[in-house]
Amino acid sequence: MAGLDVALSPDNLGFCLAGVALGTLVGVLPGVSSLAAVAMLLPFTHALSPITALVLLAGVYYGSEYGGSIASILLNVPGTPASAVSCLDGHPMARAGRAREALILSAGASFCGAVVGIGMMLAMAAPLAGLAFMLGPAEYFAIMLFGLVCTAAVGRGHLAAGLAAMLAGVGLAMVGTDAQTGVARFTFGLAELRDGVPLVVLAMGLFGVSEVMLSMFAAIPAVRCPVGSSGGWPRISAWRGAAGPMLRGGALGGLFGALPGTGPTLASIAAYALERRLSDRPERFGQGAIAGLAAPEAANNAAAQTAFVPTLALGIPGSATMALILGAMSVHGVVPSPLLAVESPELFWGLMASFVIGNVLLLVLNVPLVGLWVRILRVPPERLYPFVLVLIGVSTFGARGSAFDVWIALGIGLLAYGLRRSGVQLAPVLIGFVLGPLVEENFRRALAISQGDFAIFVSSPIALAALGAVVVLLALAGYRSFRNAWLA
């Protein structure tokens, strides 16, 4: 009830509505990710209170998962990576004249998945609070190191490329003056770098500039008008058939979202594969199966909610967008902790309540605004690029009022464009940038407590288990890379 009182205040309610509406728009537009939107909003949240800033950024994040299904269903163009699975059965339904049914089922499944994810988050609050008393600097170091390695080793691409990207992010985080010794590190004698590279500048270059360049130089097909945009509301039999996939997809997505390095995309793929395996008629999948649309939509929205669990409790972001939100928390002085619900109840429970309110708002907004989203989709992409670049420039300059930062963002963007064209994932760079200083800080604190004895990192069962998981994960990822190279 205290959380609802905070979330229903005029400021928080207004910014929640603005966040979910912007997130839906971002999800609908192909080529514009929630990551770029959150990055551009970061400078404007400095004047807001911590809870209002997090409500706004979180609304953009999970709102984009709603909006991504609209483009997938109407145009067969995924608005977000996680909504790509919705193209498989959502667009065939639209082509068969069942677009309205598909969109309403998608909205219902997204809301159901979000509710399941929020429920799982609340169930995890008490166990995480108990975990806090068992964690010290050595345990935090081991857990965050595991998060870094997860980012580099789990997912697409080669292990070496993922590790190199992650270490590049850690290296960029070390630029500036060391807080403990006062020594300038990696500044190359430039006074502008003594304060380090701001998170906003890095994010703008990595994902803003590179995304615009990637879209400009790639052959983007013209957006087609929706096919078969008529149709009625789903029948009771359709809802009955979608109920099981929604619940299973929500539960599966909630589990994937809470794991570092997975996220909504993997959750939606796993939910689709599970429903196809459980179905009595798997041949219908890909031809307009209701379960093939409901399960991944519920999964990716549940994962978007529970992705906040490792970020809020342990400071381990499960995705690049969550790394930005973690950066926003640090800017506002919010320290991730399993005891966050006890130490900052207004912030924690207010944020939880805003998730419920935001998903209700999304359910109300999603279907009536379909016509508006389709008209926006018809705008030629080249008309959007100058507007996006201006926003990037203003946001970058506004971080510290320095034109030097704009040049840094441009240079990082050019490098990121080359990496993306080469197939290298950029999420490890950003997560390494955010987690690198925390890993270094806890490493130093642990050694200070043990007076230089490295045995402290294996003296705790939790730290030993986390470090063992790091070794196992690196071994499995190395074996996978070696096998793929050998087979190729």
Protein backbone atom coordinates (compact mmCIF):
# COMPACT_ATOMS: atom_id res chain seq x y z
CA MET A 1 0.00 0.00 0.00
CA ALA A 2 2.91 2.36 0.72
CA GLY A 3 4.28 1.57 -2.74
CA LEU A 4 0.94 2.35 -4.39
CA ASP A 5 0.82 5.66 -2.53
CA VAL A 6 4.23 6.56 -3.99
CA ALA A 7 3.46 5.29 -7.51
CA LEU A 8 0.10 7.10 -7.69
CA SER A 9 1.57 10.52 -6.86
CA PRO A 10 1.01 12.96 -9.76
CA ASP A 11 4.70 13.16 -10.74
CA ASN A 12 5.35 9.43 -10.71
CA LEU A 13 2.08 8.59 -12.42
CA GLY A 14 2.73 11.15 -15.16
CA PHE A 15 6.27 9.95 -15.80
CA CYS A 16 5.10 6.33 -15.73
CA LEU A 17 2.57 7.14 -18.47
CA ALA A 18 5.21 9.03 -20.45
CA GLY A 19 7.69 6.16 -20.09
CA VAL A 20 5.35 3.38 -21.23
CA ALA A 21 4.03 5.49 -24.12
CA LEU A 22 7.56 6.30 -25.30
CA GLY A 23 8.57 2.67 -24.80
CA THR A 24 5.67 1.49 -26.96
CA LEU A 25 6.68 3.95 -29.67
CA VAL A 26 10.30 2.78 -29.48
CA GLY A 27 9.19 -0.85 -29.69
CA VAL A 28 7.04 -0.18 -32.75
CA LEU A 29 9.80 1.58 -34.69
CA PRO A 30 12.17 -0.96 -36.30
CA GLY A 31 15.82 -0.12 -35.74
CA VAL A 32 15.25 2.07 -32.67
CA SER A 33 15.87 0.06 -29.49
CA SER A 34 14.89 0.70 -25.89
CA LEU A 35 18.62 0.89 -25.19
CA ALA A 36 19.01 4.02 -27.33
CA ALA A 37 15.88 5.58 -25.80
CA VAL A 38 17.06 4.96 -22.23
CA ALA A 39 20.50 6.33 -23.11
CA MET A 40 19.03 9.54 -24.55
CA LEU A 41 16.78 10.01 -21.49
CA LEU A 42 19.57 9.58 -18.93
CA PRO A 43 20.72 13.25 -18.89
CA PHE A 44 17.13 14.46 -18.46
CA THR A 45 16.59 12.32 -15.35
CA HIS A 46 19.25 14.17 -13.32
CA ALA A 47 16.68 16.76 -12.21
CA LEU A 48 14.20 14.08 -11.12
CA SER A 49 14.00 12.24 -7.84
CA PRO A 50 15.51 8.72 -7.80
CA ILE A 51 12.13 6.96 -7.76
CA THR A 52 10.70 9.14 -10.56
CA ALA A 53 13.79 8.62 -12.73
CA LEU A 54 13.64 4.83 -12.30
CA VAL A 55 9.87 4.77 -12.97
CA LEU A 56 10.44 6.63 -16.24
CA LEU A 57 13.37 4.50 -17.45
CA ALA A 58 11.72 1.24 -16.40
CA GLY A 59 8.54 2.23 -18.25
CA VAL A 60 10.53 2.73 -21.44
CA TYR A 61 12.19 -0.67 -20.99
CA TYR A 62 9.17 -2.88 -20.47
CA GLY A 63 6.94 -0.68 -22.65
CA SER A 64 9.18 -1.44 -25.63
CA GLU A 65 8.45 -5.15 -25.20
CA TYR A 66 4.75 -4.39 -25.68
CA GLY A 67 5.32 -2.18 -28.70
CA GLY A 68 7.67 -4.61 -30.41
CA SER A 69 4.84 -7.06 -31.03
CA ILE A 70 2.81 -4.50 -33.04
CA ALA A 71 5.37 -4.24 -35.85
CA SER A 72 5.96 -8.00 -35.70
CA ILE A 73 2.28 -8.81 -36.20
CA LEU A 74 1.32 -6.13 -38.73
CA LEU A 75 4.49 -5.86 -40.80
CA ASN A 76 6.55 -8.98 -40.03
CA VAL A 77 9.29 -6.57 -38.87
CA PRO A 78 10.30 -7.12 -35.21
CA GLY A 79 10.38 -3.87 -33.27
CA THR A 80 12.66 -5.45 -30.65
CA PRO A 81 14.87 -8.56 -30.78
CA ALA A 82 12.61 -10.37 -28.30
CA SER A 83 9.55 -9.78 -30.48
CA ALA A 84 11.12 -11.50 -33.48
CA VAL A 85 9.58 -14.81 -32.37
CA SER A 86 6.13 -13.19 -32.51
CA CYS A 87 6.55 -12.79 -36.27
CA LEU A 88 6.36 -16.55 -36.74
CA ASP A 89 2.67 -16.88 -35.86
CA GLY A 90 1.51 -13.28 -35.35
CA HIS A 91 2.01 -12.15 -38.94
CA PRO A 92 0.32 -15.23 -40.47
CA MET A 93 -2.71 -14.40 -38.30
CA ALA A 94 -2.70 -10.84 -39.68
CA ARG A 95 -2.43 -12.07 -43.26
CA ALA A 96 -5.41 -14.35 -42.62
CA GLY A 97 -7.55 -11.35 -41.57
CA ARG A 98 -7.09 -11.90 -37.83
CA ALA A 99 -4.86 -8.91 -37.08
CA ARG A 100 -7.18 -7.44 -34.43
CA GLU A 101 -7.40 -10.83 -32.72
CA ALA A 102 -3.61 -11.23 -32.82
CA LEU A 103 -2.98 -7.76 -31.40
CA ILE A 104 -5.48 -8.17 -28.56
CA LEU A 105 -4.16 -11.65 -27.72
CA SER A 106 -0.64 -10.23 -27.74
CA ALA A 107 -1.65 -7.42 -25.38
CA GLY A 108 -3.39 -9.87 -23.06
CA ALA A 109 -0.44 -12.26 -23.07
CA SER A 110 1.99 -9.42 -22.42
CA PHE A 111 -0.08 -8.24 -19.44
CA CYS A 112 -0.39 -11.79 -18.09
CA GLY A 113 3.36 -12.35 -18.41
CA ALA A 114 4.11 -9.04 -16.69
CA VAL A 115 1.81 -9.92 -13.78
CA VAL A 116 3.50 -13.32 -13.40
CA GLY A 117 6.92 -11.64 -13.51
CA ILE A 118 5.94 -9.06 -10.89
CA GLY A 119 4.61 -11.84 -8.65
CA MET A 120 7.91 -13.70 -8.98
CA MET A 121 9.81 -10.52 -8.10
CA LEU A 122 7.79 -10.10 -4.92
CA ALA A 123 8.36 -13.75 -4.01
CA MET A 124 12.12 -13.26 -4.39
CA ALA A 125 12.29 -10.21 -2.09
CA ALA A 126 12.44 -12.05 1.24
CA PRO A 127 15.03 -14.70 0.22
CA LEU A 128 17.26 -11.98 -1.19
CA ALA A 129 17.04 -10.00 2.05
CA GLY A 130 18.23 -13.08 3.95
CA LEU A 131 21.07 -13.51 1.45
CA ALA A 132 22.39 -10.02 2.26
CA PHE A 133 23.73 -11.09 5.64
CA MET A 134 25.95 -13.72 4.01
CA LEU A 135 27.62 -11.40 1.48
CA GLY A 136 30.88 -9.53 2.05
CA PRO A 137 33.40 -7.92 -0.33
CA ALA A 138 34.83 -11.30 -1.40
CA GLU A 139 31.36 -12.67 -2.17
CA TYR A 140 30.34 -9.54 -4.06
CA PHE A 141 33.58 -9.67 -6.06
CA ALA A 142 33.00 -13.31 -7.03
CA ILE A 143 29.32 -12.76 -7.91
CA MET A 144 30.04 -9.67 -10.02
CA LEU A 145 32.93 -11.43 -11.73
CA PHE A 146 30.48 -14.21 -12.58
CA GLY A 147 28.14 -11.56 -14.03
CA LEU A 148 30.94 -10.19 -16.21
CA VAL A 149 31.90 -13.63 -17.51
CA CYS A 150 28.22 -14.50 -18.09
CA THR A 151 27.92 -11.44 -20.28
CA ALA A 152 30.93 -12.41 -22.36
CA ALA A 153 30.42 -16.18 -22.53
CA VAL A 154 26.63 -16.55 -22.80
CA GLY A 155 24.96 -15.65 -26.06
CA ARG A 156 25.95 -15.30 -29.64
CA GLY A 157 29.44 -14.85 -30.98
CA HIS A 158 32.87 -16.26 -30.13
CA LEU A 159 34.15 -16.44 -26.57
CA ALA A 160 37.30 -14.46 -27.40
CA ALA A 161 35.28 -11.64 -28.96
CA GLY A 162 32.93 -11.51 -25.96
CA LEU A 163 35.80 -11.44 -23.47
CA ALA A 164 37.64 -8.78 -25.47
CA ALA A 165 34.50 -6.61 -25.59
CA MET A 166 33.95 -7.03 -21.85
CA LEU A 167 37.58 -6.18 -21.03
CA ALA A 168 37.36 -3.13 -23.30
CA GLY A 169 34.45 -1.90 -21.20
CA VAL A 170 36.42 -2.51 -17.99
CA GLY A 171 39.36 -0.61 -19.47
CA LEU A 172 37.18 2.37 -20.40
CA ALA A 173 35.82 2.43 -16.85
CA MET A 174 39.38 2.81 -15.50
CA VAL A 175 39.95 6.04 -17.43
CA GLY A 176 40.15 8.98 -15.04
CA THR A 177 41.41 9.67 -11.53
CA ASP A 178 41.61 6.72 -9.15
CA ALA A 179 39.36 7.49 -6.18
CA GLN A 180 41.66 5.77 -3.66
CA THR A 181 45.10 6.92 -4.78
CA GLY A 182 44.35 10.10 -6.73
CA VAL A 183 46.46 8.88 -9.65
CA ALA A 184 45.30 9.70 -13.19
CA ARG A 185 44.90 6.50 -15.22
CA PHE A 186 44.79 6.24 -19.04
CA THR A 187 44.13 9.95 -19.54
CA PHE A 188 46.97 10.46 -22.08
CA GLY A 189 47.60 13.86 -20.51
CA LEU A 190 44.15 15.20 -21.45
CA ALA A 191 42.48 17.21 -18.71
CA GLU A 192 39.05 16.37 -20.15
CA LEU A 193 39.58 12.71 -19.29
CA ARG A 194 40.58 13.21 -15.65
CA ASP A 195 36.94 12.74 -14.61
CA GLY A 196 36.59 9.63 -16.76
CA VAL A 197 34.21 8.82 -19.59
CA PRO A 198 30.58 9.47 -18.57
CA LEU A 199 28.17 6.59 -18.91
CA VAL A 200 25.86 8.70 -21.09
CA VAL A 201 28.66 9.44 -23.56
CA LEU A 202 29.64 5.79 -23.82
CA ALA A 203 26.04 4.65 -24.27
CA MET A 204 25.33 7.29 -26.92
CA GLY A 205 28.37 6.26 -28.93
CA LEU A 206 27.92 2.52 -28.52
CA PHE A 207 24.23 2.30 -29.28
CA GLY A 208 23.01 5.68 -30.53
CA VAL A 209 25.57 6.67 -33.15
CA SER A 210 26.35 3.10 -34.22
CA GLU A 211 22.66 2.21 -34.58
CA VAL A 212 21.98 5.20 -36.82
CA MET A 213 25.04 4.39 -38.94
CA LEU A 214 24.06 0.73 -39.15
CA SER A 215 20.57 1.67 -40.32
CA MET A 216 21.83 4.29 -42.79
CA PHE A 217 24.33 2.02 -44.51
CA ALA A 218 22.18 -1.12 -44.44
CA ALA A 219 19.59 -1.82 -47.08
CA ILE A 220 16.42 -1.32 -45.02
CA PRO A 221 13.35 -2.49 -46.92
CA ALA A 222 10.48 -0.08 -47.26
CA VAL A 223 7.84 -0.56 -44.62
CA ARG A 224 4.81 -2.25 -46.08
CA CYS A 225 1.23 -1.53 -45.22
CA PRO A 226 -0.36 -4.09 -42.93
CA VAL A 227 -2.07 -7.01 -44.58
CA GLY A 228 -5.40 -8.21 -43.33
CA SER A 229 -5.78 -5.51 -40.65
CA SER A 230 -9.46 -6.29 -40.08
CA GLY A 231 -10.99 -8.98 -37.93
CA GLY A 232 -12.90 -9.26 -34.68
CA TRP A 233 -12.07 -9.72 -31.02
CA PRO A 234 -10.75 -13.06 -29.83
CA ARG A 235 -13.41 -15.61 -28.92
CA ILE A 236 -13.61 -17.32 -25.54
CA SER A 237 -12.15 -20.47 -27.10
CA ALA A 238 -9.10 -18.47 -28.22
CA TRP A 239 -8.54 -17.13 -24.70
CA ARG A 240 -8.99 -20.62 -23.30
CA GLY A 241 -6.36 -21.97 -25.69
CA ALA A 242 -3.98 -19.13 -24.85
CA ALA A 243 -4.31 -19.37 -21.04
CA GLY A 244 -1.89 -22.28 -20.56
CA PRO A 245 0.80 -20.90 -22.90
CA MET A 246 0.52 -17.50 -21.20
CA LEU A 247 1.10 -18.94 -17.73
CA ARG A 248 3.89 -21.28 -18.83
CA GLY A 249 5.54 -18.55 -20.88
CA GLY A 250 5.28 -16.08 -17.99
CA ALA A 251 6.84 -18.53 -15.52
CA LEU A 252 9.64 -19.46 -17.93
CA GLY A 253 10.30 -15.83 -18.81
CA GLY A 254 10.39 -14.88 -15.15
CA LEU A 255 13.12 -17.44 -14.52
CA PHE A 256 15.18 -16.39 -17.56
CA GLY A 257 14.83 -12.70 -16.73
CA ALA A 258 16.31 -13.19 -13.26
CA LEU A 259 19.43 -14.88 -14.68
CA PRO A 260 22.30 -12.58 -15.75
CA GLY A 261 23.17 -12.78 -19.43
CA THR A 262 19.86 -14.20 -20.70
CA GLY A 263 16.99 -11.73 -20.95
CA PRO A 264 13.70 -11.44 -22.91
CA THR A 265 15.03 -12.67 -26.27
CA LEU A 266 16.22 -16.03 -24.98
CA ALA A 267 13.08 -16.31 -22.83
CA SER A 268 10.75 -15.86 -25.83
CA ILE A 269 12.68 -18.43 -27.89
CA ALA A 270 12.60 -20.96 -25.05
CA ALA A 271 8.85 -20.42 -24.47
CA TYR A 272 8.09 -20.90 -28.17
CA ALA A 273 10.16 -24.10 -28.30
CA LEU A 274 8.45 -25.43 -25.15
CA GLU A 275 4.93 -24.84 -26.52
CA ARG A 276 5.78 -26.46 -29.82
CA ARG A 277 7.12 -29.51 -27.99
CA LEU A 278 4.00 -29.74 -25.80
CA SER A 279 1.53 -29.20 -28.63
CA ASP A 280 -0.53 -32.03 -30.09
CA ARG A 281 -0.36 -30.31 -33.48
CA PRO A 282 3.15 -28.86 -33.82
CA GLU A 283 2.69 -28.51 -37.58
CA ARG A 284 0.38 -25.51 -36.95
CA PHE A 285 3.23 -23.48 -35.49
CA GLY A 286 4.38 -20.94 -38.04
CA GLN A 287 0.92 -20.80 -39.63
CA GLY A 288 -0.97 -18.74 -37.06
CA ALA A 289 -1.01 -20.87 -33.89
CA ILE A 290 -2.37 -18.95 -30.89
CA ALA A 291 0.05 -20.69 -28.52
CA GLY A 292 2.96 -19.67 -30.78
CA LEU A 293 2.03 -16.01 -30.24
CA ALA A 294 0.84 -16.04 -26.61
CA ALA A 295 3.77 -17.93 -25.05
CA PRO A 296 6.68 -15.78 -26.34
CA GLU A 297 4.79 -12.54 -25.68
CA ALA A 298 4.15 -13.57 -22.07
CA ALA A 299 7.75 -14.76 -21.70
CA ASN A 300 9.50 -11.63 -22.94
CA ASN A 301 7.35 -9.33 -20.78
CA ALA A 302 7.84 -11.48 -17.68
CA ALA A 303 11.59 -11.46 -18.32
CA ALA A 304 11.55 -7.67 -18.68
CA GLN A 305 10.10 -7.43 -15.16
CA THR A 306 12.31 -9.95 -13.37
CA ALA A 307 15.43 -8.53 -15.05
CA PHE A 308 15.28 -5.94 -12.27
CA VAL A 309 15.93 -8.63 -9.62
CA PRO A 310 19.71 -9.08 -10.10
CA THR A 311 20.10 -5.37 -10.87
CA LEU A 312 18.37 -4.08 -7.74
CA ALA A 313 19.55 -6.81 -5.38
CA LEU A 314 23.10 -7.60 -6.50
CA GLY A 315 24.08 -4.83 -8.92
CA ILE A 316 24.41 -7.36 -11.74
CA PRO A 317 22.57 -6.20 -14.89
CA GLY A 318 21.25 -8.97 -17.09
CA SER A 319 21.28 -6.87 -20.26
CA ALA A 320 22.75 -3.70 -21.71
CA THR A 321 19.56 -1.73 -20.98
CA MET A 322 19.61 -2.87 -17.37
CA ALA A 323 23.26 -1.75 -17.21
CA LEU A 324 22.10 1.75 -18.17
CA ILE A 325 19.42 1.65 -15.49
CA LEU A 326 22.08 0.51 -13.01
CA GLY A 327 24.13 3.50 -14.08
CA ALA A 328 21.14 5.77 -13.46
CA MET A 329 20.82 4.27 -9.97
CA SER A 330 24.44 5.12 -9.22
CA VAL A 331 23.97 8.69 -10.49
CA HIS A 332 21.06 9.13 -8.07
CA GLY A 333 22.93 7.54 -5.18
CA VAL A 334 20.88 4.33 -5.09
CA VAL A 335 23.12 1.44 -4.02
CA PRO A 336 22.00 -2.04 -5.17
CA SER A 337 21.49 -4.35 -2.21
CA PRO A 338 19.40 -7.37 -1.22
CA LEU A 339 18.21 -5.16 1.65
CA LEU A 340 16.97 -2.39 -0.67
CA ALA A 341 13.35 -3.22 0.23
CA VAL A 342 14.19 -2.63 3.92
CA GLU A 343 16.62 0.28 3.60
CA SER A 344 14.65 2.21 0.93
CA PRO A 345 11.07 0.88 1.13
CA GLU A 346 9.53 3.89 -0.64
CA LEU A 347 11.82 3.44 -3.63
CA PHE A 348 11.60 -0.36 -3.84
CA TRP A 349 7.87 -0.80 -3.29
CA GLY A 350 7.06 2.35 -5.24
CA LEU A 351 8.94 0.93 -8.21
CA MET A 352 7.14 -2.43 -7.83
CA ALA A 353 3.76 -0.68 -7.72
CA SER A 354 4.67 1.39 -10.79
CA PHE A 355 5.24 -1.85 -12.69
CA VAL A 356 1.63 -2.88 -12.00
CA ILE A 357 0.26 0.55 -12.92
CA GLY A 358 2.46 0.80 -16.02
CA ASN A 359 1.32 -2.55 -17.34
CA VAL A 360 -2.34 -1.57 -16.81
CA LEU A 361 -1.68 1.64 -18.75
CA LEU A 362 -0.03 -0.36 -21.51
CA LEU A 363 -3.00 -2.67 -21.74
CA VAL A 364 -5.31 0.34 -22.12
CA LEU A 365 -3.06 2.11 -24.65
CA ASN A 366 -1.95 -0.79 -26.80
CA VAL A 367 -5.01 -1.61 -28.92
CA PRO A 368 -6.57 1.86 -29.49
CA LEU A 369 -3.27 3.32 -30.74
CA VAL A 370 -2.57 0.64 -33.36
CA GLY A 371 -3.66 2.95 -36.17
CA LEU A 372 -1.29 5.68 -34.96
CA TRP A 373 1.68 3.29 -34.78
CA VAL A 374 1.02 2.12 -38.33
CA ARG A 375 1.03 5.70 -39.62
CA ILE A 376 4.34 6.39 -37.85
CA LEU A 377 5.81 3.24 -39.39
CA ARG A 378 5.13 4.69 -42.84
CA VAL A 379 7.53 7.60 -42.21
CA PRO A 380 10.67 6.99 -44.31
CA PRO A 381 13.57 6.04 -42.00
CA GLU A 382 15.90 8.64 -43.53
CA ARG A 383 13.67 11.38 -42.13
CA LEU A 384 14.14 10.05 -38.62
CA TYR A 385 17.95 9.88 -38.65
CA PRO A 386 18.67 13.67 -38.41
CA PHE A 387 16.22 13.97 -35.51
CA VAL A 388 17.84 11.05 -33.67
CA LEU A 389 21.36 12.43 -34.26
CA VAL A 390 20.35 15.86 -32.91
CA LEU A 391 18.95 14.21 -29.77
CA ILE A 392 22.19 12.24 -29.36
CA GLY A 393 24.29 15.38 -29.72
CA VAL A 394 22.19 17.36 -27.22
CA SER A 395 22.15 14.51 -24.70
CA THR A 396 25.91 13.97 -24.98
CA PHE A 397 26.74 17.66 -24.64
CA GLY A 398 24.35 17.97 -21.71
CA ALA A 399 26.15 15.29 -19.70
CA ARG A 400 28.97 17.67 -18.68
CA GLY A 401 28.52 20.66 -20.98
CA SER A 402 31.61 19.62 -22.93
CA ALA A 403 32.00 19.53 -26.70
CA PHE A 404 34.87 17.09 -26.15
CA ASP A 405 32.30 14.50 -25.04
CA VAL A 406 30.52 14.80 -28.38
CA TRP A 407 33.76 13.88 -30.18
CA ILE A 408 34.30 10.97 -27.78
CA ALA A 409 30.79 9.69 -28.51
CA LEU A 410 31.43 10.00 -32.26
CA GLY A 411 34.71 8.09 -31.99
CA ILE A 412 33.13 5.36 -29.87
CA GLY A 413 30.23 5.21 -32.33
CA LEU A 414 32.56 4.68 -35.30
CA LEU A 415 34.38 1.91 -33.43
CA ALA A 416 31.08 0.34 -32.34
CA TYR A 417 29.79 0.43 -35.92
CA GLY A 418 32.83 -1.55 -37.06
CA LEU A 419 32.38 -4.05 -34.23
CA ARG A 420 28.69 -4.55 -35.00
CA ARG A 421 29.41 -5.06 -38.68
CA SER A 422 31.93 -7.70 -37.63
CA GLY A 423 29.33 -9.49 -35.53
CA VAL A 424 30.77 -8.50 -32.13
CA GLN A 425 28.14 -7.92 -29.43
CA LEU A 426 28.30 -4.53 -27.70
CA ALA A 427 26.43 -5.44 -24.51
CA PRO A 428 29.61 -6.84 -22.85
CA VAL A 429 31.31 -3.46 -23.38
CA LEU A 430 28.63 -1.57 -21.51
CA ILE A 431 28.21 -4.13 -18.74
CA GLY A 432 32.00 -4.29 -18.29
CA PHE A 433 32.02 -0.49 -18.02
CA VAL A 434 29.36 -0.52 -15.28
CA LEU A 435 30.52 -3.57 -13.31
CA GLY A 436 34.28 -3.04 -13.72
CA PRO A 437 34.63 -0.38 -11.00
CA LEU A 438 32.46 -2.42 -8.61
CA VAL A 439 34.59 -5.53 -9.17
CA GLU A 440 37.76 -3.52 -8.58
CA GLU A 441 36.36 -1.85 -5.44
CA ASN A 442 35.26 -5.11 -3.82
CA PHE A 443 38.54 -6.79 -4.80
CA ARG A 444 40.50 -4.06 -3.03
CA ARG A 445 38.21 -4.11 0.01
CA ALA A 446 38.51 -7.88 0.36
CA LEU A 447 42.32 -7.73 0.21
CA ALA A 448 42.35 -4.87 2.73
CA ILE A 449 40.27 -6.95 5.15
CA SER A 450 42.49 -10.02 4.72
CA GLN A 451 45.70 -7.93 4.77
CA GLY A 452 46.69 -9.15 1.30
CA ASP A 453 45.76 -12.82 1.76
CA PHE A 454 44.15 -14.08 -1.46
CA ALA A 455 42.70 -17.06 0.42
CA ILE A 456 39.75 -14.84 1.38
CA PHE A 457 38.29 -15.39 -2.09
CA VAL A 458 37.96 -19.15 -1.53
CA SER A 459 37.24 -19.17 2.20
CA SER A 460 33.50 -18.57 1.73
CA PRO A 461 31.19 -21.21 0.16
CA ILE A 462 29.34 -18.52 -1.80
CA ALA A 463 32.53 -16.97 -3.20
CA LEU A 464 34.00 -20.39 -3.95
CA ALA A 465 30.82 -21.49 -5.74
CA ALA A 466 30.71 -18.29 -7.82
CA LEU A 467 34.39 -18.58 -8.81
CA GLY A 468 33.87 -22.27 -9.61
CA ALA A 469 30.92 -21.31 -11.81
CA VAL A 470 33.19 -18.83 -13.60
CA VAL A 471 35.71 -21.58 -14.37
CA VAL A 472 32.99 -24.00 -15.54
CA LEU A 473 31.33 -21.34 -17.69
CA LEU A 474 34.62 -20.39 -19.34
CA ALA A 475 35.40 -24.06 -19.96
CA LEU A 476 32.00 -24.74 -21.54
CA ALA A 477 32.15 -21.59 -23.66
CA GLY A 478 35.69 -22.43 -24.76
CA TYR A 479 34.64 -25.95 -25.70
CA ARG A 480 31.70 -24.61 -27.68
CA SER A 481 33.90 -22.14 -29.56
CA PHE A 482 36.51 -24.83 -30.28
CA ARG A 483 33.84 -27.25 -31.51
CA ASN A 484 32.25 -24.65 -33.78
CA ALA A 485 35.63 -23.71 -35.21
CA TRP A 486 36.53 -27.37 -35.76
CA LEU A 487 33.23 -28.15 -37.50
CA ALA A 488 33.56 -25.06 -39.67
